[in-house]
């Protein structure tokens, strides 16, 4: 029951005590490194919902990611202004997936289970990432997260198998309009549009 009220406060942080509390925390978080291991999750309700347990083999790390589009240097010459390609360039991944990948590189012996948003300011966003030690005996016998010890789940964050990765791949859409995203966007395009028609004169012969 307590988690219900915590979730309600976090659903609209600007209207609850969370905003004032997070404003104080962000002052401290800005001075810390980009990736920090923490003892307890900031949002206990969200962490428990995504699979977190206070047991050996499961840790939580907070990661900072820069907000906004890509920063590209302006070419000195050789292009007209229209083709400079500096502004309005966005990454193909969302910031939560980028945070998961950076956290995975920081803890190479662990596997990413899931992640969630905890705060942001004008320059950065902070996410907390739940990681699992697949070699821990307590994880191998766990009925909820024991599936992560199987070899096909190795490096799942770099194959976009987490929740954030599936969102980037368009797999969160279901029903009408989602026919072209499964099993993947590239495979769906080939299925619906067919292979590129070969013109006369193309190819080795």
C-alpha atoms as a PDB file:
ATOM      1  CA  UNK A   1       0.000   0.000   0.000  1.00  0.00           C
ATOM      2  CA  UNK A   2       2.888   2.374   0.732  1.00  0.00           C
ATOM      3  CA  UNK A   3       4.256   1.867  -2.795  1.00  0.00           C
ATOM      4  CA  UNK A   4       0.935   3.068  -4.204  1.00  0.00           C
ATOM      5  CA  UNK A   5       1.254   6.454  -2.517  1.00  0.00           C
ATOM      6  CA  UNK A   6       4.923   6.751  -3.470  1.00  0.00           C
ATOM      7  CA  UNK A   7       4.002   6.112  -7.111  1.00  0.00           C
ATOM      8  CA  UNK A   8       1.293   8.781  -6.956  1.00  0.00           C
ATOM      9  CA  UNK A   9       3.798  11.358  -5.720  1.00  0.00           C
ATOM     10  CA  UNK A  10       6.281  10.485  -8.477  1.00  0.00           C
ATOM     11  CA  UNK A  11       3.613  10.557 -11.197  1.00  0.00           C
ATOM     12  CA  UNK A  12       3.378  14.368 -10.836  1.00  0.00           C
ATOM     13  CA  UNK A  13       6.609  15.471  -9.143  1.00  0.00           C
ATOM     14  CA  UNK A  14       6.015  19.173  -9.859  1.00  0.00           C
ATOM     15  CA  UNK A  15       2.872  19.075  -7.698  1.00  0.00           C
ATOM     16  CA  UNK A  16       4.280  17.156  -4.727  1.00  0.00           C
ATOM     17  CA  UNK A  17       7.158  17.237  -2.274  1.00  0.00           C
ATOM     18  CA  UNK A  18       9.332  15.382  -4.811  1.00  0.00           C
ATOM     19  CA  UNK A  19      10.268  18.564  -6.683  1.00  0.00           C
ATOM     20  CA  UNK A  20      11.787  20.291  -3.661  1.00  0.00           C
ATOM     21  CA  UNK A  21      13.542  17.097  -2.619  1.00  0.00           C
ATOM     22  CA  UNK A  22      14.957  16.449  -6.093  1.00  0.00           C
ATOM     23  CA  UNK A  23      16.152  20.043  -6.410  1.00  0.00           C
ATOM     24  CA  UNK A  24      18.415  19.451  -3.420  1.00  0.00           C
ATOM     25  CA  UNK A  25      19.561  16.080  -4.705  1.00  0.00           C
ATOM     26  CA  UNK A  26      20.461  17.397  -8.159  1.00  0.00           C
ATOM     27  CA  UNK A  27      22.906  19.852  -6.598  1.00  0.00           C
ATOM     28  CA  UNK A  28      24.773  16.887  -5.155  1.00  0.00           C
ATOM     29  CA  UNK A  29      24.385  14.644  -8.209  1.00  0.00           C
ATOM     30  CA  UNK A  30      25.943  17.224 -10.545  1.00  0.00           C
ATOM     31  CA  UNK A  31      29.212  17.002  -8.581  1.00  0.00           C
ATOM     32  CA  UNK A  32      29.345  13.201  -8.697  1.00  0.00           C
ATOM     33  CA  UNK A  33      30.806  11.041 -11.495  1.00  0.00           C
ATOM     34  CA  UNK A  34      28.632  10.062 -14.452  1.00  0.00           C
ATOM     35  CA  UNK A  35      28.011   6.560 -13.094  1.00  0.00           C
ATOM     36  CA  UNK A  36      27.677   5.917  -9.359  1.00  0.00           C
ATOM     37  CA  UNK A  37      26.673   2.761  -7.539  1.00  0.00           C
ATOM     38  CA  UNK A  38      24.044   3.450  -4.880  1.00  0.00           C
ATOM     39  CA  UNK A  39      22.955   1.401  -1.891  1.00  0.00           C
ATOM     40  CA  UNK A  40      19.186   1.857  -2.242  1.00  0.00           C
ATOM     41  CA  UNK A  41      17.021   2.907  -5.204  1.00  0.00           C
ATOM     42  CA  UNK A  42      15.622   6.434  -5.174  1.00  0.00           C
ATOM     43  CA  UNK A  43      12.226   5.245  -6.410  1.00  0.00           C
ATOM     44  CA  UNK A  44      11.597   2.050  -4.457  1.00  0.00           C
ATOM     45  CA  UNK A  45       8.160   1.474  -5.972  1.00  0.00           C
ATOM     46  CA  UNK A  46       9.430   1.713  -9.550  1.00  0.00           C
ATOM     47  CA  UNK A  47      12.492  -0.410  -8.866  1.00  0.00           C
ATOM     48  CA  UNK A  48      10.440  -3.197  -7.270  1.00  0.00           C
ATOM     49  CA  UNK A  49       8.004  -3.103 -10.168  1.00  0.00           C
ATOM     50  CA  UNK A  50      10.880  -3.606 -12.639  1.00  0.00           C
ATOM     51  CA  UNK A  51      12.398  -6.559 -10.776  1.00  0.00           C
ATOM     52  CA  UNK A  52      14.604  -5.094  -8.071  1.00  0.00           C
ATOM     53  CA  UNK A  53      15.079  -7.085  -4.864  1.00  0.00           C
ATOM     54  CA  UNK A  54      17.190  -6.217  -1.839  1.00  0.00           C
ATOM     55  CA  UNK A  55      19.304  -9.344  -2.102  1.00  0.00           C
ATOM     56  CA  UNK A  56      22.819 -10.403  -2.997  1.00  0.00           C
ATOM     57  CA  UNK A  57      23.485 -10.293  -6.729  1.00  0.00           C
ATOM     58  CA  UNK A  58      21.326  -7.253  -7.543  1.00  0.00           C
ATOM     59  CA  UNK A  59      22.722  -3.708  -7.477  1.00  0.00           C
ATOM     60  CA  UNK A  60      21.534  -0.280  -8.602  1.00  0.00           C
ATOM     61  CA  UNK A  61      23.631   2.391 -10.324  1.00  0.00           C
ATOM     62  CA  UNK A  62      22.725   5.969 -11.190  1.00  0.00           C
ATOM     63  CA  UNK A  63      23.932   7.286 -14.564  1.00  0.00           C
ATOM     64  CA  UNK A  64      23.993  10.830 -15.934  1.00  0.00           C
ATOM     65  CA  UNK A  65      23.391  11.473 -19.652  1.00  0.00           C
ATOM     66  CA  UNK A  66      23.604  14.774 -21.482  1.00  0.00           C
ATOM     67  CA  UNK A  67      20.313  16.029 -22.889  1.00  0.00           C
ATOM     68  CA  UNK A  68      19.571  17.382 -26.358  1.00  0.00           C
ATOM     69  CA  UNK A  69      20.561  16.517 -29.905  1.00  0.00           C
ATOM     70  CA  UNK A  70      23.965  15.719 -31.329  1.00  0.00           C
ATOM     71  CA  UNK A  71      26.714  18.343 -31.175  1.00  0.00           C
ATOM     72  CA  UNK A  72      28.436  18.530 -34.557  1.00  0.00           C
ATOM     73  CA  UNK A  73      31.239  20.818 -35.660  1.00  0.00           C
ATOM     74  CA  UNK A  74      30.390  23.190 -38.462  1.00  0.00           C
ATOM     75  CA  UNK A  75      32.402  22.441 -41.643  1.00  0.00           C
ATOM     76  CA  UNK A  76      34.707  25.274 -42.584  1.00  0.00           C
ATOM     77  CA  UNK A  77      34.077  25.114 -46.315  1.00  0.00           C
ATOM     78  CA  UNK A  78      32.884  22.963 -49.179  1.00  0.00           C
ATOM     79  CA  UNK A  79      29.144  23.110 -48.485  1.00  0.00           C
ATOM     80  CA  UNK A  80      26.314  25.517 -48.871  1.00  0.00           C
ATOM     81  CA  UNK A  81      24.618  26.409 -45.568  1.00  0.00           C
ATOM     82  CA  UNK A  82      21.696  24.095 -46.296  1.00  0.00           C
ATOM     83  CA  UNK A  83      24.032  21.093 -46.398  1.00  0.00           C
ATOM     84  CA  UNK A  84      26.182  21.914 -43.408  1.00  0.00           C
ATOM     85  CA  UNK A  85      24.481  19.235 -41.312  1.00  0.00           C
ATOM     86  CA  UNK A  86      24.976  20.769 -37.880  1.00  0.00           C
ATOM     87  CA  UNK A  87      21.605  21.393 -36.255  1.00  0.00           C
ATOM     88  CA  UNK A  88      18.540  19.212 -35.731  1.00  0.00           C
ATOM     89  CA  UNK A  89      20.477  15.947 -35.628  1.00  0.00           C
ATOM     90  CA  UNK A  90      19.062  13.493 -33.119  1.00  0.00           C
ATOM     91  CA  UNK A  91      20.547  10.170 -31.944  1.00  0.00           C
ATOM     92  CA  UNK A  92      18.802   7.000 -33.087  1.00  0.00           C
ATOM     93  CA  UNK A  93      18.604   5.791 -29.466  1.00  0.00           C
ATOM     94  CA  UNK A  94      16.715   7.242 -26.548  1.00  0.00           C
ATOM     95  CA  UNK A  95      18.641   8.575 -23.568  1.00  0.00           C
ATOM     96  CA  UNK A  96      17.531   5.733 -21.296  1.00  0.00           C
ATOM     97  CA  UNK A  97      19.098   3.134 -23.596  1.00  0.00           C
ATOM     98  CA  UNK A  98      22.280   5.208 -23.782  1.00  0.00           C
ATOM     99  CA  UNK A  99      22.380   5.287 -19.974  1.00  0.00           C
ATOM    100  CA  UNK A 100      21.936   1.500 -19.830  1.00  0.00           C
ATOM    101  CA  UNK A 101      24.766   0.912 -22.305  1.00  0.00           C
ATOM    102  CA  UNK A 102      27.153   3.195 -20.425  1.00  0.00           C
ATOM    103  CA  UNK A 103      26.289   1.506 -17.145  1.00  0.00           C
ATOM    104  CA  UNK A 104      26.882  -1.922 -18.693  1.00  0.00           C
ATOM    105  CA  UNK A 105      30.361  -0.818 -19.805  1.00  0.00           C
ATOM    106  CA  UNK A 106      31.056   0.410 -16.283  1.00  0.00           C
ATOM    107  CA  UNK A 107      30.021  -2.967 -14.798  1.00  0.00           C
ATOM    108  CA  UNK A 108      31.102  -5.520 -17.463  1.00  0.00           C
ATOM    109  CA  UNK A 109      30.552  -8.547 -15.187  1.00  0.00           C
ATOM    110  CA  UNK A 110      26.859  -7.697 -14.645  1.00  0.00           C
ATOM    111  CA  UNK A 111      23.778  -7.711 -16.864  1.00  0.00           C
ATOM    112  CA  UNK A 112      21.239  -4.896 -17.155  1.00  0.00           C
ATOM    113  CA  UNK A 113      17.746  -5.873 -16.050  1.00  0.00           C
ATOM    114  CA  UNK A 114      15.892  -2.573 -16.452  1.00  0.00           C
ATOM    115  CA  UNK A 115      16.069   1.149 -15.732  1.00  0.00           C
ATOM    116  CA  UNK A 116      13.915   4.157 -14.881  1.00  0.00           C
ATOM    117  CA  UNK A 117      14.071   7.982 -14.805  1.00  0.00           C
ATOM    118  CA  UNK A 118      14.878   9.739 -11.539  1.00  0.00           C
ATOM    119  CA  UNK A 119      15.561  13.368 -12.397  1.00  0.00           C
ATOM    120  CA  UNK A 120      16.677  15.998 -14.890  1.00  0.00           C
ATOM    121  CA  UNK A 121      17.784  19.603 -15.203  1.00  0.00           C
ATOM    122  CA  UNK A 122      18.463  21.857 -18.166  1.00  0.00           C
ATOM    123  CA  UNK A 123      21.597  19.958 -19.202  1.00  0.00           C
ATOM    124  CA  UNK A 124      21.408  16.354 -17.959  1.00  0.00           C
ATOM    125  CA  UNK A 125      19.061  13.488 -17.246  1.00  0.00           C
ATOM    126  CA  UNK A 126      19.608  10.888 -14.537  1.00  0.00           C
ATOM    127  CA  UNK A 127      18.532   7.245 -14.759  1.00  0.00           C
ATOM    128  CA  UNK A 128      18.893   4.425 -12.267  1.00  0.00           C
ATOM    129  CA  UNK A 129      19.842   1.088 -13.792  1.00  0.00           C
ATOM    130  CA  UNK A 130      19.161  -2.279 -12.147  1.00  0.00           C
ATOM    131  CA  UNK A 131      21.985  -4.766 -12.725  1.00  0.00           C
ATOM    132  CA  UNK A 132      22.162  -8.481 -11.979  1.00  0.00           C
ATOM    133  CA  UNK A 133      25.158 -10.701 -11.214  1.00  0.00           C
ATOM    134  CA  UNK A 134      24.315 -13.810 -13.223  1.00  0.00           C
ATOM    135  CA  UNK A 135      27.037 -15.836 -11.487  1.00  0.00           C
ATOM    136  CA  UNK A 136      25.613 -15.332  -7.992  1.00  0.00           C
ATOM    137  CA  UNK A 137      24.002 -18.474  -6.490  1.00  0.00           C
ATOM    138  CA  UNK A 138      21.127 -16.377  -5.141  1.00  0.00           C
ATOM    139  CA  UNK A 139      20.294 -15.273  -8.698  1.00  0.00           C
ATOM    140  CA  UNK A 140      20.504 -18.753 -10.228  1.00  0.00           C
ATOM    141  CA  UNK A 141      17.884 -20.040  -7.808  1.00  0.00           C
ATOM    142  CA  UNK A 142      15.621 -16.971  -7.989  1.00  0.00           C
ATOM    143  CA  UNK A 143      12.280 -17.744  -9.645  1.00  0.00           C
ATOM    144  CA  UNK A 144      11.828 -14.187 -10.967  1.00  0.00           C
ATOM    145  CA  UNK A 145      15.231 -13.217 -12.389  1.00  0.00           C
ATOM    146  CA  UNK A 146      16.840 -16.629 -12.733  1.00  0.00           C
ATOM    147  CA  UNK A 147      16.151 -16.593 -16.468  1.00  0.00           C
ATOM    148  CA  UNK A 148      18.946 -14.052 -16.909  1.00  0.00           C
ATOM    149  CA  UNK A 149      21.564 -16.697 -16.129  1.00  0.00           C
ATOM    150  CA  UNK A 150      20.856 -18.449 -19.445  1.00  0.00           C
ATOM    151  CA  UNK A 151      23.484 -17.828 -22.106  1.00  0.00           C
ATOM    152  CA  UNK A 152      21.106 -16.338 -24.679  1.00  0.00           C
ATOM    153  CA  UNK A 153      20.619 -13.298 -22.424  1.00  0.00           C
ATOM    154  CA  UNK A 154      24.297 -12.315 -22.385  1.00  0.00           C
ATOM    155  CA  UNK A 155      24.913  -8.735 -23.485  1.00  0.00           C
ATOM    156  CA  UNK A 156      21.205  -8.090 -23.862  1.00  0.00           C
ATOM    157  CA  UNK A 157      21.506  -4.306 -23.526  1.00  0.00           C
ATOM    158  CA  UNK A 158      23.810  -4.058 -26.569  1.00  0.00           C
ATOM    159  CA  UNK A 159      21.301  -6.067 -28.613  1.00  0.00           C
ATOM    160  CA  UNK A 160      18.459  -3.740 -27.550  1.00  0.00           C
ATOM    161  CA  UNK A 161      16.680  -6.517 -25.655  1.00  0.00           C
ATOM    162  CA  UNK A 162      15.825  -4.384 -22.641  1.00  0.00           C
ATOM    163  CA  UNK A 163      12.629  -2.384 -22.318  1.00  0.00           C
ATOM    164  CA  UNK A 164      14.307   0.812 -23.528  1.00  0.00           C
ATOM    165  CA  UNK A 165      15.865  -1.038 -26.468  1.00  0.00           C
ATOM    166  CA  UNK A 166      12.564  -2.554 -27.553  1.00  0.00           C
ATOM    167  CA  UNK A 167      11.021   0.898 -27.465  1.00  0.00           C
ATOM    168  CA  UNK A 168      13.736   2.166 -29.832  1.00  0.00           C
ATOM    169  CA  UNK A 169      13.141  -0.772 -32.169  1.00  0.00           C
ATOM    170  CA  UNK A 170       9.439   0.032 -32.333  1.00  0.00           C
ATOM    171  CA  UNK A 171       8.341  -3.188 -30.630  1.00  0.00           C
ATOM    172  CA  UNK A 172       6.109  -1.383 -28.147  1.00  0.00           C
ATOM    173  CA  UNK A 173       3.474  -0.847 -30.862  1.00  0.00           C
ATOM    174  CA  UNK A 174       0.802  -3.500 -31.281  1.00  0.00           C
ATOM    175  CA  UNK A 175      -2.240  -3.948 -33.462  1.00  0.00           C
ATOM    176  CA  UNK A 176      -3.022  -2.034 -36.632  1.00  0.00           C
ATOM    177  CA  UNK A 177      -0.075  -0.064 -37.919  1.00  0.00           C
ATOM    178  CA  UNK A 178       2.558  -2.276 -36.307  1.00  0.00           C
ATOM    179  CA  UNK A 179       2.793  -4.858 -39.090  1.00  0.00           C
ATOM    180  CA  UNK A 180       6.079  -3.490 -40.406  1.00  0.00           C
ATOM    181  CA  UNK A 181       8.067  -3.505 -37.171  1.00  0.00           C
ATOM    182  CA  UNK A 182       8.177  -7.249 -36.518  1.00  0.00           C
ATOM    183  CA  UNK A 183      10.433  -9.157 -36.380  1.00  0.00           C
ATOM    184  CA  UNK A 184      12.396  -5.965 -37.082  1.00  0.00           C
ATOM    185  CA  UNK A 185      11.965  -2.745 -38.994  1.00  0.00           C
ATOM    186  CA  UNK A 186      14.479  -3.823 -41.642  1.00  0.00           C
ATOM    187  CA  UNK A 187      12.916  -7.254 -42.066  1.00  0.00           C
ATOM    188  CA  UNK A 188       9.437  -5.725 -42.202  1.00  0.00           C
ATOM    189  CA  UNK A 189      10.484  -3.329 -44.950  1.00  0.00           C
ATOM    190  CA  UNK A 190      11.812  -6.202 -47.066  1.00  0.00           C
ATOM    191  CA  UNK A 191       8.677  -8.207 -46.445  1.00  0.00           C
ATOM    192  CA  UNK A 192       6.247  -5.479 -47.491  1.00  0.00           C
ATOM    193  CA  UNK A 193       8.215  -3.716 -50.198  1.00  0.00           C
ATOM    194  CA  UNK A 194      10.159  -6.640 -51.583  1.00  0.00           C
ATOM    195  CA  UNK A 195      13.750  -6.710 -52.740  1.00  0.00           C
ATOM    196  CA  UNK A 196      15.071  -3.897 -54.876  1.00  0.00           C
ATOM    197  CA  UNK A 197      14.282  -4.655 -58.494  1.00  0.00           C
ATOM    198  CA  UNK A 198      17.445  -5.291 -60.492  1.00  0.00           C
ATOM    199  CA  UNK A 199      17.780  -3.055 -63.521  1.00  0.00           C
ATOM    200  CA  UNK A 200      19.314  -4.030 -66.804  1.00  0.00           C
ATOM    201  CA  UNK A 201      23.033  -3.524 -66.680  1.00  0.00           C
ATOM    202  CA  UNK A 202      23.325  -3.956 -62.905  1.00  0.00           C
ATOM    203  CA  UNK A 203      25.489  -6.676 -61.481  1.00  0.00           C
ATOM    204  CA  UNK A 204      28.603  -8.466 -62.718  1.00  0.00           C
ATOM    205  CA  UNK A 205      27.115  -9.694 -66.014  1.00  0.00           C
END
